[in-house]
Amino acid sequence: MNGSIRYLQTRKDKSAIFFKCLPEKVATIIINIKAEANFDFSESLLSEGLSTEQTPFILAKKQDLPYTGERNKIIETLIQDGFSESSAQDFERAEAIYQQANTK
């Protein structure tokens, strides 16, 4: 299990964080919806992508972070903090939202 890729996510109202936990680092995508937007982060946003009207309200960033500690302990802590297991597909969809939001 130590060498496998794990996916974790958390979503709340107008934001979502996706982690792709690789053996040596973690890739993170953070998506925030501006407060003045009249929509929240929903399943349809992940499955259907952003509409032209939604795109200006999305702030998204992606970064790679090195692990600072034992990998499995970090994953365990994220789960204790409310992150749930996710999938490669959800991470890829979040990446598509990130790309779309940053090419406006």
PDB file of N, CA and C in Angstrom:
ATOM      1  N   MET A   1       0.825  -1.195   0.000  1.00  0.00           N
ATOM      2  CA  MET A   1       0.000   0.000   0.000  1.00  0.00           C
ATOM      3  C   MET A   1       0.865   1.253   0.000  1.00  0.00           C
ATOM      4  N   ASN A   2       2.031   1.182   0.584  1.00  0.00           N
ATOM      5  CA  ASN A   2       2.886   2.355   0.717  1.00  0.00           C
ATOM      6  C   ASN A   2       3.259   2.963  -0.619  1.00  0.00           C
ATOM      7  N   GLY A   3       3.415   2.151  -1.665  1.00  0.00           N
ATOM      8  CA  GLY A   3       3.817   2.676  -2.959  1.00  0.00           C
ATOM      9  C   GLY A   3       2.659   3.043  -3.871  1.00  0.00           C
ATOM     10  N   SER A   4       1.431   2.775  -3.440  1.00  0.00           N
ATOM     11  CA  SER A   4       0.288   3.023  -4.316  1.00  0.00           C
ATOM     12  C   SER A   4      -0.156   4.484  -4.246  1.00  0.00           C
ATOM     13  N   ILE A   5      -0.922   4.884  -5.243  1.00  0.00           N
ATOM     14  CA  ILE A   5      -1.464   6.238  -5.280  1.00  0.00           C
ATOM     15  C   ILE A   5      -2.789   6.234  -4.522  1.00  0.00           C
ATOM     16  N   ARG A   6      -2.962   7.222  -3.646  1.00  0.00           N
ATOM     17  CA  ARG A   6      -4.221   7.374  -2.918  1.00  0.00           C
ATOM     18  C   ARG A   6      -4.823   8.716  -3.297  1.00  0.00           C
ATOM     19  N   TYR A   7      -6.126   8.753  -3.421  1.00  0.00           N
ATOM     20  CA  TYR A   7      -6.843   9.979  -3.738  1.00  0.00           C
ATOM     21  C   TYR A   7      -7.751  10.328  -2.568  1.00  0.00           C
ATOM     22  N   LEU A   8      -7.710  11.589  -2.159  1.00  0.00           N
ATOM     23  CA  LEU A   8      -8.551  12.065  -1.071  1.00  0.00           C
ATOM     24  C   LEU A   8      -9.180  13.387  -1.486  1.00  0.00           C
ATOM     25  N   GLN A   9     -10.326  13.686  -0.917  1.00  0.00           N
ATOM     26  CA  GLN A   9     -10.964  14.961  -1.225  1.00  0.00           C
ATOM     27  C   GLN A   9     -11.802  15.424  -0.051  1.00  0.00           C
ATOM     28  N   THR A  10     -12.067  16.701  -0.033  1.00  0.00           N
ATOM     29  CA  THR A  10     -13.054  17.272   0.868  1.00  0.00           C
ATOM     30  C   THR A  10     -13.774  18.376   0.109  1.00  0.00           C
ATOM     31  N   ARG A  11     -15.063  18.500   0.371  1.00  0.00           N
ATOM     32  CA  ARG A  11     -15.862  19.537  -0.283  1.00  0.00           C
ATOM     33  C   ARG A  11     -16.764  20.168   0.754  1.00  0.00           C
ATOM     34  N   LYS A  12     -16.890  21.477   0.671  1.00  0.00           N
ATOM     35  CA  LYS A  12     -17.791  22.179   1.591  1.00  0.00           C
ATOM     36  C   LYS A  12     -18.290  23.439   0.906  1.00  0.00           C
ATOM     37  N   ASP A  13     -19.564  23.491   0.669  1.00  0.00           N
ATOM     38  CA  ASP A  13     -20.220  24.677   0.116  1.00  0.00           C
ATOM     39  C   ASP A  13     -19.512  25.192  -1.133  1.00  0.00           C
ATOM     40  N   LYS A  14     -18.692  26.216  -0.972  1.00  0.00           N
ATOM     41  CA  LYS A  14     -18.091  26.879  -2.128  1.00  0.00           C
ATOM     42  C   LYS A  14     -16.617  26.515  -2.347  1.00  0.00           C
ATOM     43  N   SER A  15     -16.179  25.392  -1.792  1.00  0.00           N
ATOM     44  CA  SER A  15     -14.779  25.024  -2.007  1.00  0.00           C
ATOM     45  C   SER A  15     -14.605  23.506  -2.045  1.00  0.00           C
ATOM     46  N   ALA A  16     -13.498  23.107  -2.616  1.00  0.00           N
ATOM     47  CA  ALA A  16     -13.145  21.686  -2.684  1.00  0.00           C
ATOM     48  C   ALA A  16     -11.629  21.570  -2.747  1.00  0.00           C
ATOM     49  N   ILE A  17     -11.110  20.538  -2.107  1.00  0.00           N
ATOM     50  CA  ILE A  17      -9.675  20.252  -2.159  1.00  0.00           C
ATOM     51  C   ILE A  17      -9.522  18.790  -2.548  1.00  0.00           C
ATOM     52  N   PHE A  18      -8.668  18.560  -3.523  1.00  0.00           N
ATOM     53  CA  PHE A  18      -8.399  17.203  -4.008  1.00  0.00           C
ATOM     54  C   PHE A  18      -6.920  16.901  -3.835  1.00  0.00           C
ATOM     55  N   PHE A  19      -6.618  15.734  -3.283  1.00  0.00           N
ATOM     56  CA  PHE A  19      -5.238  15.293  -3.119  1.00  0.00           C
ATOM     57  C   PHE A  19      -4.994  14.033  -3.941  1.00  0.00           C
ATOM     58  N   LYS A  20      -3.865  14.006  -4.608  1.00  0.00           N
ATOM     59  CA  LYS A  20      -3.369  12.795  -5.259  1.00  0.00           C
ATOM     60  C   LYS A  20      -2.080  12.464  -4.531  1.00  0.00           C
ATOM     61  N   CYS A  21      -2.131  11.439  -3.692  1.00  0.00           N
ATOM     62  CA  CYS A  21      -1.007  11.102  -2.820  1.00  0.00           C
ATOM     63  C   CYS A  21      -0.108  10.079  -3.505  1.00  0.00           C
ATOM     64  N   LEU A  22       0.987  10.569  -4.046  1.00  0.00           N
ATOM     65  CA  LEU A  22       1.974   9.732  -4.714  1.00  0.00           C
ATOM     66  C   LEU A  22       3.000   9.262  -3.691  1.00  0.00           C
ATOM     67  N   PRO A  23       3.852   8.305  -4.044  1.00  0.00           N
ATOM     68  CA  PRO A  23       4.833   7.823  -3.068  1.00  0.00           C
ATOM     69  C   PRO A  23       5.771   8.906  -2.512  1.00  0.00           C
ATOM     70  N   GLU A  24       6.147   9.893  -3.323  1.00  0.00           N
ATOM     71  CA  GLU A  24       7.132  10.882  -2.874  1.00  0.00           C
ATOM     72  C   GLU A  24       6.573  12.277  -2.644  1.00  0.00           C
ATOM     73  N   LYS A  25       5.393  12.546  -3.170  1.00  0.00           N
ATOM     74  CA  LYS A  25       4.834  13.899  -3.056  1.00  0.00           C
ATOM     75  C   LYS A  25       3.323  13.822  -3.147  1.00  0.00           C
ATOM     76  N   VAL A  26       2.705  14.957  -2.896  1.00  0.00           N
ATOM     77  CA  VAL A  26       1.245  15.027  -3.017  1.00  0.00           C
ATOM     78  C   VAL A  26       0.901  16.156  -3.980  1.00  0.00           C
ATOM     79  N   ALA A  27       0.049  15.851  -4.942  1.00  0.00           N
ATOM     80  CA  ALA A  27      -0.452  16.866  -5.868  1.00  0.00           C
ATOM     81  C   ALA A  27      -1.771  17.368  -5.297  1.00  0.00           C
ATOM     82  N   THR A  28      -1.922  18.676  -5.245  1.00  0.00           N
ATOM     83  CA  THR A  28      -3.105  19.273  -4.641  1.00  0.00           C
ATOM     84  C   THR A  28      -3.790  20.192  -5.627  1.00  0.00           C
ATOM     85  N   ILE A  29      -5.097  20.089  -5.723  1.00  0.00           N
ATOM     86  CA  ILE A  29      -5.903  21.037  -6.492  1.00  0.00           C
ATOM     87  C   ILE A  29      -6.904  21.645  -5.512  1.00  0.00           C
ATOM     88  N   ILE A  30      -6.886  22.968  -5.424  1.00  0.00           N
ATOM     89  CA  ILE A  30      -7.804  23.689  -4.545  1.00  0.00           C
ATOM     90  C   ILE A  30      -8.721  24.526  -5.423  1.00  0.00           C
ATOM     91  N   ILE A  31     -10.012  24.318  -5.279  1.00  0.00           N
ATOM     92  CA  ILE A  31     -10.995  25.053  -6.073  1.00  0.00           C
ATOM     93  C   ILE A  31     -11.884  25.845  -5.127  1.00  0.00           C
ATOM     94  N   ASN A  32     -11.959  27.140  -5.346  1.00  0.00           N
ATOM     95  CA  ASN A  32     -12.830  28.011  -4.559  1.00  0.00           C
ATOM     96  C   ASN A  32     -13.784  28.737  -5.491  1.00  0.00           C
ATOM     97  N   ILE A  33     -15.003  28.854  -5.047  1.00  0.00           N
ATOM     98  CA  ILE A  33     -16.009  29.615  -5.788  1.00  0.00           C
ATOM     99  C   ILE A  33     -16.173  30.946  -5.062  1.00  0.00           C
ATOM    100  N   LYS A  34     -16.096  32.027  -5.803  1.00  0.00           N
ATOM    101  CA  LYS A  34     -16.198  33.355  -5.197  1.00  0.00           C
ATOM    102  C   LYS A  34     -17.517  33.492  -4.437  1.00  0.00           C
ATOM    103  N   ALA A  35     -17.448  34.227  -3.334  1.00  0.00           N
ATOM    104  CA  ALA A  35     -18.607  34.356  -2.436  1.00  0.00           C
ATOM    105  C   ALA A  35     -19.842  34.901  -3.134  1.00  0.00           C
ATOM    106  N   GLU A  36     -19.636  35.783  -4.105  1.00  0.00           N
ATOM    107  CA  GLU A  36     -20.803  36.395  -4.757  1.00  0.00           C
ATOM    108  C   GLU A  36     -21.475  35.480  -5.780  1.00  0.00           C
ATOM    109  N   ALA A  37     -20.899  34.331  -6.042  1.00  0.00           N
ATOM    110  CA  ALA A  37     -21.505  33.383  -6.995  1.00  0.00           C
ATOM    111  C   ALA A  37     -22.773  32.783  -6.395  1.00  0.00           C
ATOM    112  N   ASN A  38     -23.737  32.476  -7.246  1.00  0.00           N
ATOM    113  CA  ASN A  38     -24.995  31.914  -6.748  1.00  0.00           C
ATOM    114  C   ASN A  38     -25.038  30.393  -6.907  1.00  0.00           C
ATOM    115  N   PHE A  39     -23.884  29.750  -6.801  1.00  0.00           N
ATOM    116  CA  PHE A  39     -23.837  28.288  -6.856  1.00  0.00           C
ATOM    117  C   PHE A  39     -22.731  27.789  -5.925  1.00  0.00           C
ATOM    118  N   ASP A  40     -22.868  26.560  -5.490  1.00  0.00           N
ATOM    119  CA  ASP A  40     -21.873  25.920  -4.631  1.00  0.00           C
ATOM    120  C   ASP A  40     -21.110  24.877  -5.434  1.00  0.00           C
ATOM    121  N   PHE A  41     -20.104  24.293  -4.817  1.00  0.00           N
ATOM    122  CA  PHE A  41     -19.363  23.215  -5.464  1.00  0.00           C
ATOM    123  C   PHE A  41     -20.228  21.961  -5.382  1.00  0.00           C
ATOM    124  N   SER A  42     -20.680  21.476  -6.526  1.00  0.00           N
ATOM    125  CA  SER A  42     -21.606  20.351  -6.542  1.00  0.00           C
ATOM    126  C   SER A  42     -21.057  19.211  -7.391  1.00  0.00           C
ATOM    127  N   GLU A  43     -21.724  18.091  -7.301  1.00  0.00           N
ATOM    128  CA  GLU A  43     -21.344  16.920  -8.093  1.00  0.00           C
ATOM    129  C   GLU A  43     -21.431  17.225  -9.581  1.00  0.00           C
ATOM    130  N   SER A  44     -22.425  18.031  -9.985  1.00  0.00           N
ATOM    131  CA  SER A  44     -22.576  18.345 -11.411  1.00  0.00           C
ATOM    132  C   SER A  44     -21.403  19.180 -11.915  1.00  0.00           C
ATOM    133  N   LEU A  45     -20.837  19.999 -11.039  1.00  0.00           N
ATOM    134  CA  LEU A  45     -19.658  20.772 -11.430  1.00  0.00           C
ATOM    135  C   LEU A  45     -18.511  19.820 -11.786  1.00  0.00           C
ATOM    136  N   LEU A  46     -18.366  18.750 -11.009  1.00  0.00           N
ATOM    137  CA  LEU A  46     -17.326  17.758 -11.286  1.00  0.00           C
ATOM    138  C   LEU A  46     -17.638  16.964 -12.543  1.00  0.00           C
ATOM    139  N   SER A  47     -18.879  16.528 -12.682  1.00  0.00           N
ATOM    140  CA  SER A  47     -19.197  15.635 -13.798  1.00  0.00           C
ATOM    141  C   SER A  47     -19.395  16.369 -15.116  1.00  0.00           C
ATOM    142  N   GLU A  48     -19.930  17.583 -15.067  1.00  0.00           N
ATOM    143  CA  GLU A  48     -20.231  18.303 -16.308  1.00  0.00           C
ATOM    144  C   GLU A  48     -19.220  19.401 -16.632  1.00  0.00           C
ATOM    145  N   GLY A  49     -18.396  19.780 -15.677  1.00  0.00           N
ATOM    146  CA  GLY A  49     -17.443  20.860 -15.903  1.00  0.00           C
ATOM    147  C   GLY A  49     -18.106  22.218 -15.717  1.00  0.00           C
ATOM    148  N   LEU A  50     -17.355  23.254 -15.985  1.00  0.00           N
ATOM    149  CA  LEU A  50     -17.836  24.619 -15.787  1.00  0.00           C
ATOM    150  C   LEU A  50     -18.610  25.112 -16.993  1.00  0.00           C
ATOM    151  N   SER A  51     -19.659  25.856 -16.727  1.00  0.00           N
ATOM    152  CA  SER A  51     -20.348  26.540 -17.813  1.00  0.00           C
ATOM    153  C   SER A  51     -19.661  27.882 -18.035  1.00  0.00           C
ATOM    154  N   THR A  52     -19.945  28.513 -19.146  1.00  0.00           N
ATOM    155  CA  THR A  52     -19.360  29.816 -19.463  1.00  0.00           C
ATOM    156  C   THR A  52     -19.710  30.833 -18.383  1.00  0.00           C
ATOM    157  N   GLU A  53     -20.921  30.741 -17.836  1.00  0.00           N
ATOM    158  CA  GLU A  53     -21.357  31.679 -16.803  1.00  0.00           C
ATOM    159  C   GLU A  53     -20.620  31.449 -15.483  1.00  0.00           C
ATOM    160  N   GLN A  54     -20.268  30.203 -15.190  1.00  0.00           N
ATOM    161  CA  GLN A  54     -19.620  29.880 -13.918  1.00  0.00           C
ATOM    162  C   GLN A  54     -18.128  30.200 -13.908  1.00  0.00           C
ATOM    163  N   THR A  55     -17.476  30.074 -15.045  1.00  0.00           N
ATOM    164  CA  THR A  55     -16.022  30.189 -15.111  1.00  0.00           C
ATOM    165  C   THR A  55     -15.449  31.433 -14.426  1.00  0.00           C
ATOM    166  N   PRO A  56     -16.020  32.635 -14.615  1.00  0.00           N
ATOM    167  CA  PRO A  56     -15.426  33.814 -13.958  1.00  0.00           C
ATOM    168  C   PRO A  56     -15.463  33.765 -12.427  1.00  0.00           C
ATOM    169  N   PHE A  57     -16.289  32.889 -11.863  1.00  0.00           N
ATOM    170  CA  PHE A  57     -16.425  32.827 -10.407  1.00  0.00           C
ATOM    171  C   PHE A  57     -15.509  31.789  -9.760  1.00  0.00           C
ATOM    172  N   ILE A  58     -14.710  31.099 -10.565  1.00  0.00           N
ATOM    173  CA  ILE A  58     -13.883  30.004 -10.056  1.00  0.00           C
ATOM    174  C   ILE A  58     -12.437  30.454  -9.868  1.00  0.00           C
ATOM    175  N   LEU A  59     -11.907  30.205  -8.698  1.00  0.00           N
ATOM    176  CA  LEU A  59     -10.480  30.403  -8.428  1.00  0.00           C
ATOM    177  C   LEU A  59      -9.906  29.013  -8.177  1.00  0.00           C
ATOM    178  N   ALA A  60      -8.912  28.621  -8.943  1.00  0.00           N
ATOM    179  CA  ALA A  60      -8.369  27.272  -8.795  1.00  0.00           C
ATOM    180  C   ALA A  60      -6.856  27.319  -8.876  1.00  0.00           C
ATOM    181  N   LYS A  61      -6.214  26.568  -8.008  1.00  0.00           N
ATOM    182  CA  LYS A  61      -4.757  26.465  -8.090  1.00  0.00           C
ATOM    183  C   LYS A  61      -4.339  25.018  -7.897  1.00  0.00           C
ATOM    184  N   LYS A  62      -3.170  24.714  -8.403  1.00  0.00           N
ATOM    185  CA  LYS A  62      -2.628  23.360  -8.333  1.00  0.00           C
ATOM    186  C   LYS A  62      -1.188  23.466  -7.873  1.00  0.00           C
ATOM    187  N   GLN A  63      -0.782  22.576  -6.999  1.00  0.00           N
ATOM    188  CA  GLN A  63       0.606  22.586  -6.561  1.00  0.00           C
ATOM    189  C   GLN A  63       1.029  21.179  -6.158  1.00  0.00           C
ATOM    190  N   ASP A  64       2.314  20.954  -6.229  1.00  0.00           N
ATOM    191  CA  ASP A  64       2.898  19.697  -5.766  1.00  0.00           C
ATOM    192  C   ASP A  64       3.637  19.981  -4.469  1.00  0.00           C
ATOM    193  N   LEU A  65       3.345  19.189  -3.462  1.00  0.00           N
ATOM    194  CA  LEU A  65       3.984  19.376  -2.165  1.00  0.00           C
ATOM    195  C   LEU A  65       4.782  18.133  -1.804  1.00  0.00           C
ATOM    196  N   PRO A  66       5.994  18.311  -1.298  1.00  0.00           N
ATOM    197  CA  PRO A  66       6.736  17.131  -0.834  1.00  0.00           C
ATOM    198  C   PRO A  66       6.151  16.651   0.499  1.00  0.00           C
ATOM    199  N   TYR A  67       6.265  15.377   0.771  1.00  0.00           N
ATOM    200  CA  TYR A  67       5.843  14.871   2.071  1.00  0.00           C
ATOM    201  C   TYR A  67       6.842  15.331   3.111  1.00  0.00           C
ATOM    202  N   THR A  68       6.349  15.787   4.244  1.00  0.00           N
ATOM    203  CA  THR A  68       7.237  16.133   5.362  1.00  0.00           C
ATOM    204  C   THR A  68       6.839  15.248   6.530  1.00  0.00           C
ATOM    205  N   GLY A  69       7.219  14.023   6.446  1.00  0.00           N
ATOM    206  CA  GLY A  69       6.845  13.046   7.462  1.00  0.00           C
ATOM    207  C   GLY A  69       6.499  11.735   6.803  1.00  0.00           C
ATOM    208  N   GLU A  70       6.078  10.811   7.590  1.00  0.00           N
ATOM    209  CA  GLU A  70       5.773   9.484   7.080  1.00  0.00           C
ATOM    210  C   GLU A  70       4.447   9.521   6.333  1.00  0.00           C
ATOM    211  N   ARG A  71       4.476   9.070   5.102  1.00  0.00           N
ATOM    212  CA  ARG A  71       3.350   9.195   4.169  1.00  0.00           C
ATOM    213  C   ARG A  71       2.031   8.672   4.732  1.00  0.00           C
ATOM    214  N   ASN A  72       2.020   7.467   5.254  1.00  0.00           N
ATOM    215  CA  ASN A  72       0.776   6.875   5.730  1.00  0.00           C
ATOM    216  C   ASN A  72       0.194   7.640   6.914  1.00  0.00           C
ATOM    217  N   LYS A  73       1.061   8.219   7.747  1.00  0.00           N
ATOM    218  CA  LYS A  73       0.590   9.032   8.876  1.00  0.00           C
ATOM    219  C   LYS A  73      -0.105  10.291   8.370  1.00  0.00           C
ATOM    220  N   ILE A  74       0.449  10.891   7.317  1.00  0.00           N
ATOM    221  CA  ILE A  74      -0.141  12.101   6.745  1.00  0.00           C
ATOM    222  C   ILE A  74      -1.523  11.774   6.172  1.00  0.00           C
ATOM    223  N   ILE A  75      -1.623  10.670   5.436  1.00  0.00           N
ATOM    224  CA  ILE A  75      -2.910  10.254   4.869  1.00  0.00           C
ATOM    225  C   ILE A  75      -3.914   9.971   5.990  1.00  0.00           C
ATOM    226  N   GLU A  76      -3.459   9.302   7.025  1.00  0.00           N
ATOM    227  CA  GLU A  76      -4.316   8.998   8.174  1.00  0.00           C
ATOM    228  C   GLU A  76      -4.838  10.291   8.824  1.00  0.00           C
ATOM    229  N   THR A  77      -3.963  11.278   8.955  1.00  0.00           N
ATOM    230  CA  THR A  77      -4.343  12.565   9.539  1.00  0.00           C
ATOM    231  C   THR A  77      -5.377  13.274   8.667  1.00  0.00           C
ATOM    232  N   LEU A  78      -5.171  13.249   7.335  1.00  0.00           N
ATOM    233  CA  LEU A  78      -6.145  13.875   6.429  1.00  0.00           C
ATOM    234  C   LEU A  78      -7.519  13.231   6.588  1.00  0.00           C
ATOM    235  N   ILE A  79      -7.558  11.921   6.696  1.00  0.00           N
ATOM    236  CA  ILE A  79      -8.827  11.212   6.862  1.00  0.00           C
ATOM    237  C   ILE A  79      -9.471  11.592   8.193  1.00  0.00           C
ATOM    238  N   GLN A  80      -8.661  11.689   9.244  1.00  0.00           N
ATOM    239  CA  GLN A  80      -9.189  12.114  10.548  1.00  0.00           C
ATOM    240  C   GLN A  80      -9.722  13.540  10.479  1.00  0.00           C
ATOM    241  N   ASP A  81      -9.145  14.350   9.619  1.00  0.00           N
ATOM    242  CA  ASP A  81      -9.570  15.749   9.470  1.00  0.00           C
ATOM    243  C   ASP A  81     -10.785  15.905   8.551  1.00  0.00           C
ATOM    244  N   GLY A  82     -11.347  14.789   8.111  1.00  0.00           N
ATOM    245  CA  GLY A  82     -12.581  14.860   7.328  1.00  0.00           C
ATOM    246  C   GLY A  82     -12.423  14.640   5.841  1.00  0.00           C
ATOM    247  N   PHE A  83     -11.209  14.357   5.372  1.00  0.00           N
ATOM    248  CA  PHE A  83     -11.035  14.038   3.964  1.00  0.00           C
ATOM    249  C   PHE A  83     -11.532  12.620   3.734  1.00  0.00           C
ATOM    250  N   SER A  84     -12.155  12.395   2.584  1.00  0.00           N
ATOM    251  CA  SER A  84     -12.663  11.063   2.275  1.00  0.00           C
ATOM    252  C   SER A  84     -11.938  10.507   1.059  1.00  0.00           C
ATOM    253  N   GLU A  85     -12.000   9.190   0.932  1.00  0.00           N
ATOM    254  CA  GLU A  85     -11.391   8.536  -0.220  1.00  0.00           C
ATOM    255  C   GLU A  85     -12.041   9.061  -1.493  1.00  0.00           C
ATOM    256  N   SER A  86     -11.250   9.222  -2.506  1.00  0.00           N
ATOM    257  CA  SER A  86     -11.731   9.742  -3.776  1.00  0.00           C
ATOM    258  C   SER A  86     -11.220   8.826  -4.873  1.00  0.00           C
ATOM    259  N   SER A  87     -11.317   9.288  -6.112  1.00  0.00           N
ATOM    260  CA  SER A  87     -10.899   8.460  -7.240  1.00  0.00           C
ATOM    261  C   SER A  87     -10.017   9.257  -8.192  1.00  0.00           C
ATOM    262  N   ALA A  88      -9.315   8.528  -9.037  1.00  0.00           N
ATOM    263  CA  ALA A  88      -8.502   9.170 -10.072  1.00  0.00           C
ATOM    264  C   ALA A  88      -9.399  10.001 -10.982  1.00  0.00           C
ATOM    265  N   GLN A  89     -10.598   9.500 -11.241  1.00  0.00           N
ATOM    266  CA  GLN A  89     -11.536  10.199 -12.112  1.00  0.00           C
ATOM    267  C   GLN A  89     -11.927  11.559 -11.516  1.00  0.00           C
ATOM    268  N   ASP A  90     -12.212  11.604 -10.209  1.00  0.00           N
ATOM    269  CA  ASP A  90     -12.548  12.878  -9.571  1.00  0.00           C
ATOM    270  C   ASP A  90     -11.378  13.844  -9.633  1.00  0.00           C
ATOM    271  N   PHE A  91     -10.163  13.332  -9.419  1.00  0.00           N
ATOM    272  CA  PHE A  91      -8.985  14.201  -9.478  1.00  0.00           C
ATOM    273  C   PHE A  91      -8.816  14.753 -10.894  1.00  0.00           C
ATOM    274  N   GLU A  92      -8.991  13.900 -11.904  1.00  0.00           N
ATOM    275  CA  GLU A  92      -8.874  14.347 -13.304  1.00  0.00           C
ATOM    276  C   GLU A  92      -9.942  15.380 -13.647  1.00  0.00           C
ATOM    277  N   ARG A  93     -11.141  15.197 -13.122  1.00  0.00           N
ATOM    278  CA  ARG A  93     -12.206  16.179 -13.361  1.00  0.00           C
ATOM    279  C   ARG A  93     -11.880  17.506 -12.691  1.00  0.00           C
ATOM    280  N   ALA A  94     -11.327  17.441 -11.480  1.00  0.00           N
ATOM    281  CA  ALA A  94     -10.906  18.666 -10.788  1.00  0.00           C
ATOM    282  C   ALA A  94      -9.798  19.356 -11.575  1.00  0.00           C
ATOM    283  N   GLU A  95      -8.909  18.560 -12.156  1.00  0.00           N
ATOM    284  CA  GLU A  95      -7.831  19.106 -12.977  1.00  0.00           C
ATOM    285  C   GLU A  95      -8.399  19.815 -14.209  1.00  0.00           C
ATOM    286  N   ALA A  96      -9.452  19.262 -14.783  1.00  0.00           N
ATOM    287  CA  ALA A  96     -10.102  19.893 -15.944  1.00  0.00           C
ATOM    288  C   ALA A  96     -10.721  21.232 -15.542  1.00  0.00           C
ATOM    289  N   ILE A  97     -11.336  21.296 -14.354  1.00  0.00           N
ATOM    290  CA  ILE A  97     -11.892  22.558 -13.856  1.00  0.00           C
ATOM    291  C   ILE A  97     -10.765  23.566 -13.640  1.00  0.00           C
ATOM    292  N   TYR A  98      -9.666  23.091 -13.067  1.00  0.00           N
ATOM    293  CA  TYR A  98      -8.486  23.950 -12.849  1.00  0.00           C
ATOM    294  C   TYR A  98      -8.004  24.541 -14.192  1.00  0.00           C
ATOM    295  N   GLN A  99      -7.885  23.688 -15.206  1.00  0.00           N
ATOM    296  CA  GLN A  99      -7.430  24.142 -16.529  1.00  0.00           C
ATOM    297  C   GLN A  99      -8.385  25.168 -17.108  1.00  0.00           C
ATOM    298  N   GLN A 100      -9.666  24.866 -17.024  1.00  0.00           N
ATOM    299  CA  GLN A 100     -10.674  25.766 -17.596  1.00  0.00           C
ATOM    300  C   GLN A 100     -10.686  27.104 -16.858  1.00  0.00           C
ATOM    301  N   ALA A 101     -10.582  27.067 -15.542  1.00  0.00           N
ATOM    302  CA  ALA A 101     -10.629  28.298 -14.744  1.00  0.00           C
ATOM    303  C   ALA A 101      -9.400  29.174 -15.004  1.00  0.00           C
ATOM    304  N   ASN A 102      -8.294  28.555 -15.370  1.00  0.00           N
ATOM    305  CA  ASN A 102      -7.066  29.297 -15.556  1.00  0.00           C
ATOM    306  C   ASN A 102      -6.758  29.638 -17.020  1.00  0.00           C
ATOM    307  N   THR A 103      -7.738  29.426 -17.891  1.00  0.00           N
ATOM    308  CA  THR A 103      -7.581  29.822 -19.292  1.00  0.00           C
ATOM    309  C   THR A 103      -8.679  30.788 -19.697  1.00  0.00           C
ATOM    310  N   LYS A 104      -9.231  31.479 -18.696  1.00  0.00           N
ATOM    311  CA  LYS A 104     -10.320  32.417 -18.999  1.00  0.00           C
ATOM    312  C   LYS A 104      -9.792  33.698 -19.602  1.00  0.00           C
TER     313      LYS A 104
END
